[in-house]
Amino acid sequence: MMDLRFAIVGCGRIAQRHAEHIAGQGKLVAVCDTNKERREEMAAKYNSKTYATLDELLQQEKNIDLISICSPNALHAKQSIQALEAGIHVLCEKPMAITVSDCERMIAAADKAGKHLFIVKQNRFNAPIAELKKVIDEGRLGKIIDVQLNCFWNRNNKYYETSDWKGRKNLDGGTLYTQFSHFIDLLYWMVGDVKNIHAITRNFMHQQIIDFEDSGVIALEFENGAIGTVNYTVNSFEKNMEGSIMVFGEKGTVKVGGQYLNVLEYQNIQDYKMQSVFETKPANDYGYYQGSMSNHDKVYENVVDVLKNKGTVATNGFEGLKTVEIIERIYKAAK
């Protein structure tokens, strides 16, 4: 089979990561961004064609296999649906969208077009996280009774002031969408759906800069009877401090921590020991701040496996929707 042909919509920071991995898996044939300088810089680096709008790109490019949507959060649904309706597979960055109804429209468009809709959830590929998921699925922790998630990062004024969309409610959606949707996804993936939510959110340090909260405390009751908490902030002084999950089961306790859910910090499991030494990759580094673990290579390996070998989609539209649904419910509870 010939090399897969890719396009990217949105040439911001995360798109650079996508472009690097596309170059190892196929050909980046086209890039699209309203910002001329950004799109031309990426196009020059990868010898791609450049377009100002997705409409133009879809009119001109007829042999694209997959479009990666790396635009602001609020544009994900519209652009994904446009690409799917044009008969092209889609890989959408997190969050899938910022409303459940938009997620539902995306899933319906993929079904109607008979095309795949992949959602980026790269934290699932963190080695200790994958190992913890395996341990839970094998029942080694017994019944899960309590789970605690900590997301303590730094996003300073410059982070928001140098972006034309971050921090704006209508384009960004909120801190849980842009910074911590990966973390909420892990709760759903590992523990299951959520029954009851209590939440308090506040904006302490970014009142003149962003339209929503910079910190929150959430209490959860899961459908399976487990309880849990989420503590999050982007006010960790000067730098990211911690991204961690603690799982308490009847037969074991595990903590995966570090700054980016990349270190097995504690384990005590009845008659079992998890692998404790993992190859750790660096986080996505954007100069004055860092993002989540850089596992986009695994994301693209899955895309290629599905499109070339009929493999299984690692994170589908329904799972993306569930993350958005839980976040939507948290914000509703916080009101």
C-alpha atoms as a PDB file:
ATOM      1  CA  MET A   1       0.000   0.000   0.000  1.00  0.00           C
ATOM      2  CA  MET A   2       1.197   3.498  -0.843  1.00  0.00           C
ATOM      3  CA  ASP A   3       2.195   5.970   1.848  1.00  0.00           C
ATOM      4  CA  LEU A   4      -0.747   7.538   3.650  1.00  0.00           C
ATOM      5  CA  ARG A   5      -1.425  11.167   2.795  1.00  0.00           C
ATOM      6  CA  PHE A   6      -2.152  13.541   5.664  1.00  0.00           C
ATOM      7  CA  ALA A   7      -3.278  17.140   6.154  1.00  0.00           C
ATOM      8  CA  ILE A   8      -3.228  19.312   9.283  1.00  0.00           C
ATOM      9  CA  VAL A   9      -5.754  22.010  10.164  1.00  0.00           C
ATOM     10  CA  GLY A  10      -4.356  24.506  12.664  1.00  0.00           C
ATOM     11  CA  CYS A  11      -0.581  25.042  12.692  1.00  0.00           C
ATOM     12  CA  GLY A  12      -0.085  25.994  16.344  1.00  0.00           C
ATOM     13  CA  ARG A  13       2.126  24.332  18.938  1.00  0.00           C
ATOM     14  CA  ILE A  14       0.540  20.883  19.150  1.00  0.00           C
ATOM     15  CA  ALA A  15       0.433  20.706  15.333  1.00  0.00           C
ATOM     16  CA  GLN A  16       4.258  20.692  15.319  1.00  0.00           C
ATOM     17  CA  ARG A  17       4.148  17.407  17.238  1.00  0.00           C
ATOM     18  CA  HIS A  18       1.629  15.968  14.771  1.00  0.00           C
ATOM     19  CA  ALA A  19       3.726  17.017  11.792  1.00  0.00           C
ATOM     20  CA  GLU A  20       6.847  15.327  13.188  1.00  0.00           C
ATOM     21  CA  HIS A  21       5.070  11.996  13.584  1.00  0.00           C
ATOM     22  CA  ILE A  22       3.218  12.227  10.272  1.00  0.00           C
ATOM     23  CA  ALA A  23       6.620  12.604   8.592  1.00  0.00           C
ATOM     24  CA  GLY A  24       7.583   9.211  10.017  1.00  0.00           C
ATOM     25  CA  GLN A  25       4.367   7.484   8.940  1.00  0.00           C
ATOM     26  CA  GLY A  26       3.467   9.013   5.569  1.00  0.00           C
ATOM     27  CA  LYS A  27       3.378  12.335   3.734  1.00  0.00           C
ATOM     28  CA  LEU A  28       2.073  15.656   5.032  1.00  0.00           C
ATOM     29  CA  VAL A  29       0.609  16.954   1.790  1.00  0.00           C
ATOM     30  CA  ALA A  30      -1.279  20.036   3.020  1.00  0.00           C
ATOM     31  CA  VAL A  31      -1.520  22.389   5.984  1.00  0.00           C
ATOM     32  CA  CYS A  32      -4.191  24.929   6.798  1.00  0.00           C
ATOM     33  CA  ASP A  33      -4.255  27.929   9.141  1.00  0.00           C
ATOM     34  CA  THR A  34      -5.737  31.431   9.010  1.00  0.00           C
ATOM     35  CA  ASN A  35      -2.333  32.709  10.168  1.00  0.00           C
ATOM     36  CA  LYS A  36      -0.210  33.025   6.997  1.00  0.00           C
ATOM     37  CA  GLU A  37       3.157  33.030   8.782  1.00  0.00           C
ATOM     38  CA  ARG A  38       2.360  29.884  10.795  1.00  0.00           C
ATOM     39  CA  ARG A  39       1.062  27.851   7.879  1.00  0.00           C
ATOM     40  CA  GLU A  40       3.882  28.871   5.532  1.00  0.00           C
ATOM     41  CA  GLU A  41       6.534  28.010   8.105  1.00  0.00           C
ATOM     42  CA  MET A  42       5.118  24.504   8.556  1.00  0.00           C
ATOM     43  CA  ALA A  43       4.566  24.006   4.821  1.00  0.00           C
ATOM     44  CA  ALA A  44       8.181  24.964   4.068  1.00  0.00           C
ATOM     45  CA  LYS A  45       9.516  22.534   6.655  1.00  0.00           C
ATOM     46  CA  TYR A  46       7.511  19.562   5.316  1.00  0.00           C
ATOM     47  CA  ASN A  47       7.257  20.537   1.643  1.00  0.00           C
ATOM     48  CA  SER A  48       3.460  20.740   1.887  1.00  0.00           C
ATOM     49  CA  LYS A  49       0.849  22.819   0.132  1.00  0.00           C
ATOM     50  CA  THR A  50      -0.680  25.612   2.171  1.00  0.00           C
ATOM     51  CA  TYR A  51      -4.271  26.833   2.538  1.00  0.00           C
ATOM     52  CA  ALA A  52      -5.957  29.621   4.514  1.00  0.00           C
ATOM     53  CA  THR A  53      -9.252  27.745   4.965  1.00  0.00           C
ATOM     54  CA  LEU A  54     -10.406  24.154   5.226  1.00  0.00           C
ATOM     55  CA  ASP A  55     -12.898  24.834   2.408  1.00  0.00           C
ATOM     56  CA  GLU A  56     -10.013  25.655   0.056  1.00  0.00           C
ATOM     57  CA  LEU A  57      -8.042  22.615   1.160  1.00  0.00           C
ATOM     58  CA  LEU A  58     -10.974  20.249   0.586  1.00  0.00           C
ATOM     59  CA  GLN A  59     -11.683  21.736  -2.835  1.00  0.00           C
ATOM     60  CA  GLN A  60      -8.090  21.374  -4.027  1.00  0.00           C
ATOM     61  CA  GLU A  61      -6.871  18.183  -2.371  1.00  0.00           C
ATOM     62  CA  LYS A  62      -8.685  15.066  -3.531  1.00  0.00           C
ATOM     63  CA  ASN A  63      -6.468  12.219  -2.293  1.00  0.00           C
ATOM     64  CA  ILE A  64      -6.038  12.852   1.429  1.00  0.00           C
ATOM     65  CA  ASP A  65      -6.421   9.830   3.700  1.00  0.00           C
ATOM     66  CA  LEU A  66      -6.643  11.611   7.059  1.00  0.00           C
ATOM     67  CA  ILE A  67      -6.948  15.165   8.364  1.00  0.00           C
ATOM     68  CA  SER A  68      -5.570  16.011  11.817  1.00  0.00           C
ATOM     69  CA  ILE A  69      -7.643  18.683  13.538  1.00  0.00           C
ATOM     70  CA  CYS A  70      -5.325  20.825  15.697  1.00  0.00           C
ATOM     71  CA  SER A  71      -7.362  24.029  15.757  1.00  0.00           C
ATOM     72  CA  PRO A  72      -8.928  25.823  18.773  1.00  0.00           C
ATOM     73  CA  ASN A  73     -11.293  23.620  20.799  1.00  0.00           C
ATOM     74  CA  ALA A  74     -14.529  25.223  19.619  1.00  0.00           C
ATOM     75  CA  LEU A  75     -13.663  24.570  15.943  1.00  0.00           C
ATOM     76  CA  HIS A  76     -13.048  20.829  16.367  1.00  0.00           C
ATOM     77  CA  ALA A  77     -16.625  19.751  15.673  1.00  0.00           C
ATOM     78  CA  LYS A  78     -17.269  21.939  12.631  1.00  0.00           C
ATOM     79  CA  GLN A  79     -13.963  21.094  10.961  1.00  0.00           C
ATOM     80  CA  SER A  80     -14.103  17.373  11.776  1.00  0.00           C
ATOM     81  CA  ILE A  81     -17.603  17.132  10.307  1.00  0.00           C
ATOM     82  CA  GLN A  82     -16.496  19.029   7.173  1.00  0.00           C
ATOM     83  CA  ALA A  83     -13.628  16.596   6.631  1.00  0.00           C
ATOM     84  CA  LEU A  84     -15.753  13.506   7.326  1.00  0.00           C
ATOM     85  CA  GLU A  85     -18.445  14.706   4.924  1.00  0.00           C
ATOM     86  CA  ALA A  86     -15.713  15.077   2.304  1.00  0.00           C
ATOM     87  CA  GLY A  87     -14.951  11.361   2.772  1.00  0.00           C
ATOM     88  CA  ILE A  88     -11.738  11.758   4.801  1.00  0.00           C
ATOM     89  CA  HIS A  89     -10.793  10.021   8.059  1.00  0.00           C
ATOM     90  CA  VAL A  90     -10.254  12.405  10.998  1.00  0.00           C
ATOM     91  CA  LEU A  91      -7.868  12.516  13.957  1.00  0.00           C
ATOM     92  CA  CYS A  92      -9.126  15.160  16.392  1.00  0.00           C
ATOM     93  CA  GLU A  93      -6.998  16.657  19.155  1.00  0.00           C
ATOM     94  CA  LYS A  94      -8.399  16.808  22.674  1.00  0.00           C
ATOM     95  CA  PRO A  95     -10.920  17.858  23.709  1.00  0.00           C
ATOM     96  CA  MET A  96     -13.094  16.252  21.053  1.00  0.00           C
ATOM     97  CA  ALA A  97     -15.407  19.298  21.304  1.00  0.00           C
ATOM     98  CA  ILE A  98     -16.727  21.551  24.064  1.00  0.00           C
ATOM     99  CA  THR A  99     -20.354  20.347  24.057  1.00  0.00           C
ATOM    100  CA  VAL A 100     -21.834  16.857  24.090  1.00  0.00           C
ATOM    101  CA  SER A 101     -24.191  17.782  21.247  1.00  0.00           C
ATOM    102  CA  ASP A 102     -21.201  18.648  19.033  1.00  0.00           C
ATOM    103  CA  CYS A 103     -19.594  15.287  19.888  1.00  0.00           C
ATOM    104  CA  GLU A 104     -22.813  13.514  18.902  1.00  0.00           C
ATOM    105  CA  ARG A 105     -22.861  15.337  15.554  1.00  0.00           C
ATOM    106  CA  MET A 106     -19.243  14.315  14.918  1.00  0.00           C
ATOM    107  CA  ILE A 107     -19.996  10.645  15.639  1.00  0.00           C
ATOM    108  CA  ALA A 108     -23.075  10.752  13.407  1.00  0.00           C
ATOM    109  CA  ALA A 109     -21.039  12.329  10.574  1.00  0.00           C
ATOM    110  CA  ALA A 110     -18.365   9.596  10.846  1.00  0.00           C
ATOM    111  CA  ASP A 111     -21.016   6.850  10.818  1.00  0.00           C
ATOM    112  CA  LYS A 112     -22.798   8.357   7.829  1.00  0.00           C
ATOM    113  CA  ALA A 113     -19.551   8.788   5.887  1.00  0.00           C
ATOM    114  CA  GLY A 114     -18.257   5.333   6.864  1.00  0.00           C
ATOM    115  CA  LYS A 115     -15.006   6.958   8.018  1.00  0.00           C
ATOM    116  CA  HIS A 116     -12.935   6.645  11.183  1.00  0.00           C
ATOM    117  CA  LEU A 117     -12.974   9.349  13.856  1.00  0.00           C
ATOM    118  CA  PHE A 118      -9.878   9.058  16.072  1.00  0.00           C
ATOM    119  CA  ILE A 119      -9.557  11.152  19.261  1.00  0.00           C
ATOM    120  CA  VAL A 120      -6.139  12.017  20.725  1.00  0.00           C
ATOM    121  CA  LYS A 121      -5.808  10.643  24.289  1.00  0.00           C
ATOM    122  CA  GLN A 122      -2.056  10.249  24.497  1.00  0.00           C
ATOM    123  CA  ASN A 123      -1.885   9.811  28.286  1.00  0.00           C
ATOM    124  CA  ARG A 124      -3.387   6.344  27.873  1.00  0.00           C
ATOM    125  CA  PHE A 125      -0.074   5.350  26.309  1.00  0.00           C
ATOM    126  CA  ASN A 126       2.041   6.429  29.314  1.00  0.00           C
ATOM    127  CA  ALA A 127       3.750   3.171  30.292  1.00  0.00           C
ATOM    128  CA  PRO A 128       2.796   3.138  34.013  1.00  0.00           C
ATOM    129  CA  ILE A 129      -0.769   4.212  33.154  1.00  0.00           C
ATOM    130  CA  ALA A 130      -1.120   1.360  30.639  1.00  0.00           C
ATOM    131  CA  GLU A 131       0.252  -1.028  33.263  1.00  0.00           C
ATOM    132  CA  LEU A 132      -2.217   0.268  35.903  1.00  0.00           C
ATOM    133  CA  LYS A 133      -5.132  -0.142  33.474  1.00  0.00           C
ATOM    134  CA  LYS A 134      -4.030  -3.743  32.822  1.00  0.00           C
ATOM    135  CA  VAL A 135      -3.838  -4.471  36.564  1.00  0.00           C
ATOM    136  CA  ILE A 136      -7.352  -3.060  37.091  1.00  0.00           C
ATOM    137  CA  ASP A 137      -8.788  -4.985  34.117  1.00  0.00           C
ATOM    138  CA  GLU A 138      -7.230  -8.225  35.377  1.00  0.00           C
ATOM    139  CA  GLY A 139      -8.979  -7.681  38.731  1.00  0.00           C
ATOM    140  CA  ARG A 140      -5.721  -7.644  40.703  1.00  0.00           C
ATOM    141  CA  LEU A 141      -6.845  -4.663  42.810  1.00  0.00           C
ATOM    142  CA  GLY A 142     -10.240  -6.255  43.476  1.00  0.00           C
ATOM    143  CA  LYS A 143     -13.197  -3.894  43.689  1.00  0.00           C
ATOM    144  CA  ILE A 144     -12.122  -0.271  43.196  1.00  0.00           C
ATOM    145  CA  ILE A 145     -13.304   1.782  46.161  1.00  0.00           C
ATOM    146  CA  ASP A 146     -11.588   5.155  45.845  1.00  0.00           C
ATOM    147  CA  VAL A 147      -9.645   7.082  43.207  1.00  0.00           C
ATOM    148  CA  GLN A 148      -7.894  10.442  43.611  1.00  0.00           C
ATOM    149  CA  LEU A 149      -6.644  12.578  40.754  1.00  0.00           C
ATOM    150  CA  ASN A 150      -4.287  15.540  41.186  1.00  0.00           C
ATOM    151  CA  CYS A 151      -3.483  18.002  38.397  1.00  0.00           C
ATOM    152  CA  PHE A 152      -1.163  20.734  39.660  1.00  0.00           C
ATOM    153  CA  TRP A 153       0.245  22.708  36.726  1.00  0.00           C
ATOM    154  CA  ASN A 154       1.403  26.214  35.943  1.00  0.00           C
ATOM    155  CA  ARG A 155      -0.124  28.349  33.207  1.00  0.00           C
ATOM    156  CA  ASN A 156       1.076  31.905  33.614  1.00  0.00           C
ATOM    157  CA  ASN A 157      -0.289  35.105  32.094  1.00  0.00           C
ATOM    158  CA  LYS A 158       2.038  34.823  29.095  1.00  0.00           C
ATOM    159  CA  TYR A 159       0.537  31.439  28.175  1.00  0.00           C
ATOM    160  CA  TYR A 160      -2.861  33.062  27.682  1.00  0.00           C
ATOM    161  CA  GLU A 161      -1.708  36.454  26.403  1.00  0.00           C
ATOM    162  CA  THR A 162       0.323  34.921  23.550  1.00  0.00           C
ATOM    163  CA  SER A 163      -2.656  32.850  22.338  1.00  0.00           C
ATOM    164  CA  ASP A 164      -5.496  34.163  20.205  1.00  0.00           C
ATOM    165  CA  TRP A 165      -7.980  31.687  21.722  1.00  0.00           C
ATOM    166  CA  LYS A 166      -6.828  30.156  25.022  1.00  0.00           C
ATOM    167  CA  GLY A 167      -8.687  31.543  28.015  1.00  0.00           C
ATOM    168  CA  ARG A 168     -11.660  32.671  25.933  1.00  0.00           C
ATOM    169  CA  LYS A 169     -14.785  30.828  27.007  1.00  0.00           C
ATOM    170  CA  ASN A 170     -16.330  30.612  23.523  1.00  0.00           C
ATOM    171  CA  LEU A 171     -13.186  29.129  21.901  1.00  0.00           C
ATOM    172  CA  ASP A 172     -11.435  27.362  24.783  1.00  0.00           C
ATOM    173  CA  GLY A 173     -14.295  26.122  26.977  1.00  0.00           C
ATOM    174  CA  GLY A 174     -12.457  25.973  30.304  1.00  0.00           C
ATOM    175  CA  THR A 175      -9.404  24.681  32.136  1.00  0.00           C
ATOM    176  CA  LEU A 176     -10.739  21.120  32.280  1.00  0.00           C
ATOM    177  CA  TYR A 177     -11.081  21.066  28.485  1.00  0.00           C
ATOM    178  CA  THR A 178      -7.712  22.507  27.497  1.00  0.00           C
ATOM    179  CA  GLN A 179      -5.406  21.404  30.313  1.00  0.00           C
ATOM    180  CA  PHE A 180      -6.950  18.388  31.992  1.00  0.00           C
ATOM    181  CA  SER A 181      -9.353  16.545  29.671  1.00  0.00           C
ATOM    182  CA  HIS A 182      -6.738  13.753  29.388  1.00  0.00           C
ATOM    183  CA  PHE A 183      -6.939  13.278  33.139  1.00  0.00           C
ATOM    184  CA  ILE A 184     -10.751  13.126  33.170  1.00  0.00           C
ATOM    185  CA  ASP A 185     -10.548  10.584  30.342  1.00  0.00           C
ATOM    186  CA  LEU A 186      -8.341   8.344  32.507  1.00  0.00           C
ATOM    187  CA  LEU A 187     -10.951   8.326  35.294  1.00  0.00           C
ATOM    188  CA  TYR A 188     -13.642   7.176  32.867  1.00  0.00           C
ATOM    189  CA  TRP A 189     -11.288   4.670  31.211  1.00  0.00           C
ATOM    190  CA  MET A 190     -10.159   3.089  34.474  1.00  0.00           C
ATOM    191  CA  VAL A 191     -13.116   3.407  36.846  1.00  0.00           C
ATOM    192  CA  GLY A 192     -16.162   3.839  34.593  1.00  0.00           C
ATOM    193  CA  ASP A 193     -19.033   6.271  34.273  1.00  0.00           C
ATOM    194  CA  VAL A 194     -19.899   8.888  36.880  1.00  0.00           C
ATOM    195  CA  LYS A 195     -23.217   8.985  38.758  1.00  0.00           C
ATOM    196  CA  ASN A 196     -22.979  12.061  41.007  1.00  0.00           C
ATOM    197  CA  ILE A 197     -20.780  15.161  40.920  1.00  0.00           C
ATOM    198  CA  HIS A 198     -20.139  17.974  43.408  1.00  0.00           C
ATOM    199  CA  ALA A 199     -17.772  20.752  42.347  1.00  0.00           C
ATOM    200  CA  ILE A 200     -16.325  24.090  43.427  1.00  0.00           C
ATOM    201  CA  THR A 201     -14.336  26.175  40.938  1.00  0.00           C
ATOM    202  CA  ARG A 202     -12.607  29.543  41.358  1.00  0.00           C
ATOM    203  CA  ASN A 203     -10.474  31.980  39.382  1.00  0.00           C
ATOM    204  CA  PHE A 204      -7.773  33.146  41.809  1.00  0.00           C
ATOM    205  CA  MET A 205      -4.813  34.338  39.735  1.00  0.00           C
ATOM    206  CA  HIS A 206      -6.112  35.004  36.207  1.00  0.00           C
ATOM    207  CA  GLN A 207      -9.138  37.234  36.782  1.00  0.00           C
ATOM    208  CA  GLN A 208      -8.363  39.834  34.129  1.00  0.00           C
ATOM    209  CA  ILE A 209      -6.923  37.284  31.701  1.00  0.00           C
ATOM    210  CA  ILE A 210      -9.267  34.292  31.309  1.00  0.00           C
ATOM    211  CA  ASP A 211     -13.055  33.914  31.238  1.00  0.00           C
ATOM    212  CA  PHE A 212     -13.259  30.908  33.564  1.00  0.00           C
ATOM    213  CA  GLU A 213     -11.712  29.059  36.520  1.00  0.00           C
ATOM    214  CA  ASP A 214      -8.041  28.417  37.187  1.00  0.00           C
ATOM    215  CA  SER A 215      -8.656  25.969  40.092  1.00  0.00           C
ATOM    216  CA  GLY A 216     -11.234  23.411  41.124  1.00  0.00           C
ATOM    217  CA  VAL A 217     -12.155  20.719  43.635  1.00  0.00           C
ATOM    218  CA  ILE A 218     -14.471  17.903  42.534  1.00  0.00           C
ATOM    219  CA  ALA A 219     -16.063  15.006  44.427  1.00  0.00           C
ATOM    220  CA  LEU A 220     -17.338  12.084  42.334  1.00  0.00           C
ATOM    221  CA  GLU A 221     -19.487   9.019  42.877  1.00  0.00           C
ATOM    222  CA  PHE A 222     -19.076   6.412  40.145  1.00  0.00           C
ATOM    223  CA  GLU A 223     -21.767   4.087  38.790  1.00  0.00           C
ATOM    224  CA  ASN A 224     -19.903   1.082  40.248  1.00  0.00           C
ATOM    225  CA  GLY A 225     -20.051   2.542  43.762  1.00  0.00           C
ATOM    226  CA  ALA A 226     -16.491   3.887  43.941  1.00  0.00           C
ATOM    227  CA  ILE A 227     -15.909   7.452  45.097  1.00  0.00           C
ATOM    228  CA  GLY A 228     -13.233   9.861  43.961  1.00  0.00           C
ATOM    229  CA  THR A 229     -11.807  13.360  43.994  1.00  0.00           C
ATOM    230  CA  VAL A 230     -10.201  15.618  41.431  1.00  0.00           C
ATOM    231  CA  ASN A 231      -8.045  18.534  42.611  1.00  0.00           C
ATOM    232  CA  TYR A 232      -6.763  20.773  39.852  1.00  0.00           C
ATOM    233  CA  THR A 233      -5.081  24.114  39.396  1.00  0.00           C
ATOM    234  CA  VAL A 234      -2.914  26.002  36.923  1.00  0.00           C
ATOM    235  CA  ASN A 235      -1.495  28.069  39.807  1.00  0.00           C
ATOM    236  CA  SER A 236       1.423  25.863  40.813  1.00  0.00           C
ATOM    237  CA  PHE A 237       4.168  28.430  41.420  1.00  0.00           C
ATOM    238  CA  GLU A 238       6.406  28.962  38.362  1.00  0.00           C
ATOM    239  CA  LYS A 239       6.214  25.412  36.975  1.00  0.00           C
ATOM    240  CA  ASN A 240       4.199  22.205  36.717  1.00  0.00           C
ATOM    241  CA  MET A 241       4.308  20.251  39.980  1.00  0.00           C
ATOM    242  CA  GLU A 242       2.327  17.039  39.623  1.00  0.00           C
ATOM    243  CA  GLY A 243      -0.060  14.968  37.573  1.00  0.00           C
ATOM    244  CA  SER A 244      -1.056  11.904  39.565  1.00  0.00           C
ATOM    245  CA  ILE A 245      -3.697   9.249  40.055  1.00  0.00           C
ATOM    246  CA  MET A 246      -4.123   7.096  43.163  1.00  0.00           C
ATOM    247  CA  VAL A 247      -6.297   3.990  43.000  1.00  0.00           C
ATOM    248  CA  PHE A 248      -7.423   2.228  46.156  1.00  0.00           C
ATOM    249  CA  GLY A 249      -8.857  -1.259  45.697  1.00  0.00           C
ATOM    250  CA  GLU A 250      -9.787  -4.062  48.094  1.00  0.00           C
ATOM    251  CA  LYS A 251      -6.579  -5.923  47.234  1.00  0.00           C
ATOM    252  CA  GLY A 252      -4.145  -3.178  46.346  1.00  0.00           C
ATOM    253  CA  THR A 253      -3.162   0.471  46.214  1.00  0.00           C
ATOM    254  CA  VAL A 254      -1.282   2.141  43.365  1.00  0.00           C
ATOM    255  CA  LYS A 255      -0.089   5.692  42.719  1.00  0.00           C
ATOM    256  CA  VAL A 256       1.134   6.847  39.328  1.00  0.00           C
ATOM    257  CA  GLY A 257       2.590  10.338  39.643  1.00  0.00           C
ATOM    258  CA  GLY A 258       5.475  12.496  38.568  1.00  0.00           C
ATOM    259  CA  GLN A 259       4.752  15.737  36.760  1.00  0.00           C
ATOM    260  CA  TYR A 260       2.990  13.982  33.897  1.00  0.00           C
ATOM    261  CA  LEU A 261       1.571  10.644  35.132  1.00  0.00           C
ATOM    262  CA  ASN A 262       4.880   9.088  34.114  1.00  0.00           C
ATOM    263  CA  VAL A 263       6.283   7.571  37.332  1.00  0.00           C
ATOM    264  CA  LEU A 264       5.055   4.537  39.300  1.00  0.00           C
ATOM    265  CA  GLU A 265       5.416   6.133  42.752  1.00  0.00           C
ATOM    266  CA  TYR A 266       3.754   3.541  44.978  1.00  0.00           C
ATOM    267  CA  GLN A 267       2.368   0.042  44.711  1.00  0.00           C
ATOM    268  CA  ASN A 268       1.192  -2.501  47.263  1.00  0.00           C
ATOM    269  CA  ILE A 269      -0.819  -5.282  45.639  1.00  0.00           C
ATOM    270  CA  GLN A 270      -1.756  -8.641  47.090  1.00  0.00           C
ATOM    271  CA  ASP A 271       0.513 -11.358  45.590  1.00  0.00           C
ATOM    272  CA  TYR A 272       1.564  -9.167  42.656  1.00  0.00           C
ATOM    273  CA  LYS A 273       4.158  -6.589  41.652  1.00  0.00           C
ATOM    274  CA  MET A 274       3.808  -4.198  38.726  1.00  0.00           C
ATOM    275  CA  GLN A 275       6.762  -3.506  36.484  1.00  0.00           C
ATOM    276  CA  SER A 276       8.288  -0.417  38.073  1.00  0.00           C
ATOM    277  CA  VAL A 277      10.975   0.777  35.656  1.00  0.00           C
ATOM    278  CA  PHE A 278       9.668   2.409  32.507  1.00  0.00           C
ATOM    279  CA  GLU A 279      11.232   4.282  29.667  1.00  0.00           C
ATOM    280  CA  THR A 280       9.999   7.821  30.290  1.00  0.00           C
ATOM    281  CA  LYS A 281       9.605  10.240  27.428  1.00  0.00           C
ATOM    282  CA  PRO A 282       9.836  14.000  27.874  1.00  0.00           C
ATOM    283  CA  ALA A 283       6.661  16.056  28.064  1.00  0.00           C
ATOM    284  CA  ASN A 284       5.595  18.243  25.155  1.00  0.00           C
ATOM    285  CA  ASP A 285       7.863  21.244  25.712  1.00  0.00           C
ATOM    286  CA  TYR A 286       6.696  24.648  24.489  1.00  0.00           C
ATOM    287  CA  GLY A 287       9.517  26.781  25.873  1.00  0.00           C
ATOM    288  CA  TYR A 288       8.011  28.614  28.833  1.00  0.00           C
ATOM    289  CA  TYR A 289       5.556  25.835  29.721  1.00  0.00           C
ATOM    290  CA  GLN A 290       5.159  22.080  29.308  1.00  0.00           C
ATOM    291  CA  GLY A 291       2.142  20.003  28.338  1.00  0.00           C
ATOM    292  CA  SER A 292       1.280  16.334  28.702  1.00  0.00           C
ATOM    293  CA  MET A 293       3.532  13.398  27.870  1.00  0.00           C
ATOM    294  CA  SER A 294       4.571  13.258  24.252  1.00  0.00           C
ATOM    295  CA  ASN A 295       2.961  10.030  23.039  1.00  0.00           C
ATOM    296  CA  HIS A 296       1.712  11.211  19.661  1.00  0.00           C
ATOM    297  CA  ASP A 297       3.955   8.613  18.013  1.00  0.00           C
ATOM    298  CA  LYS A 298       1.714   5.926  19.568  1.00  0.00           C
ATOM    299  CA  VAL A 299      -1.381   7.786  18.401  1.00  0.00           C
ATOM    300  CA  TYR A 300      -0.122   7.781  14.810  1.00  0.00           C
ATOM    301  CA  GLU A 301       1.010   4.155  15.003  1.00  0.00           C
ATOM    302  CA  ASN A 302      -2.599   3.298  15.875  1.00  0.00           C
ATOM    303  CA  VAL A 303      -3.940   5.439  13.006  1.00  0.00           C
ATOM    304  CA  VAL A 304      -1.676   3.664  10.517  1.00  0.00           C
ATOM    305  CA  ASP A 305      -2.524   0.233  11.947  1.00  0.00           C
ATOM    306  CA  VAL A 306      -6.244   0.947  11.552  1.00  0.00           C
ATOM    307  CA  LEU A 307      -6.031   2.421   8.050  1.00  0.00           C
ATOM    308  CA  LYS A 308      -3.510  -0.064   6.635  1.00  0.00           C
ATOM    309  CA  ASN A 309      -4.112  -3.250   8.637  1.00  0.00           C
ATOM    310  CA  LYS A 310      -7.729  -2.871   9.773  1.00  0.00           C
ATOM    311  CA  GLY A 311      -6.607  -2.565  13.411  1.00  0.00           C
ATOM    312  CA  THR A 312      -8.793  -1.331  16.280  1.00  0.00           C
ATOM    313  CA  VAL A 313      -9.217   2.394  16.979  1.00  0.00           C
ATOM    314  CA  ALA A 314      -7.472   3.091  20.327  1.00  0.00           C
ATOM    315  CA  THR A 315      -9.786   5.948  21.345  1.00  0.00           C
ATOM    316  CA  ASN A 316     -13.051   6.324  19.484  1.00  0.00           C
ATOM    317  CA  GLY A 317     -15.653   9.083  19.292  1.00  0.00           C
ATOM    318  CA  PHE A 318     -17.828   7.619  22.036  1.00  0.00           C
ATOM    319  CA  GLU A 319     -14.924   7.706  24.520  1.00  0.00           C
ATOM    320  CA  GLY A 320     -14.155  11.283  23.478  1.00  0.00           C
ATOM    321  CA  LEU A 321     -17.809  12.166  24.051  1.00  0.00           C
ATOM    322  CA  LYS A 322     -17.820  10.641  27.557  1.00  0.00           C
ATOM    323  CA  THR A 323     -14.909  12.890  28.605  1.00  0.00           C
ATOM    324  CA  VAL A 324     -16.754  15.975  27.330  1.00  0.00           C
ATOM    325  CA  GLU A 325     -19.969  14.831  29.015  1.00  0.00           C
ATOM    326  CA  ILE A 326     -18.266  14.463  32.414  1.00  0.00           C
ATOM    327  CA  ILE A 327     -16.584  17.877  32.083  1.00  0.00           C
ATOM    328  CA  GLU A 328     -19.882  19.460  31.029  1.00  0.00           C
ATOM    329  CA  ARG A 329     -21.541  17.951  34.121  1.00  0.00           C
ATOM    330  CA  ILE A 330     -18.698  19.162  36.404  1.00  0.00           C
ATOM    331  CA  TYR A 331     -19.127  22.730  35.199  1.00  0.00           C
ATOM    332  CA  LYS A 332     -22.900  22.475  35.629  1.00  0.00           C
ATOM    333  CA  ALA A 333     -22.407  21.182  39.194  1.00  0.00           C
ATOM    334  CA  ALA A 334     -19.979  24.043  39.922  1.00  0.00           C
ATOM    335  CA  LYS A 335     -22.654  26.615  39.109  1.00  0.00           C
END
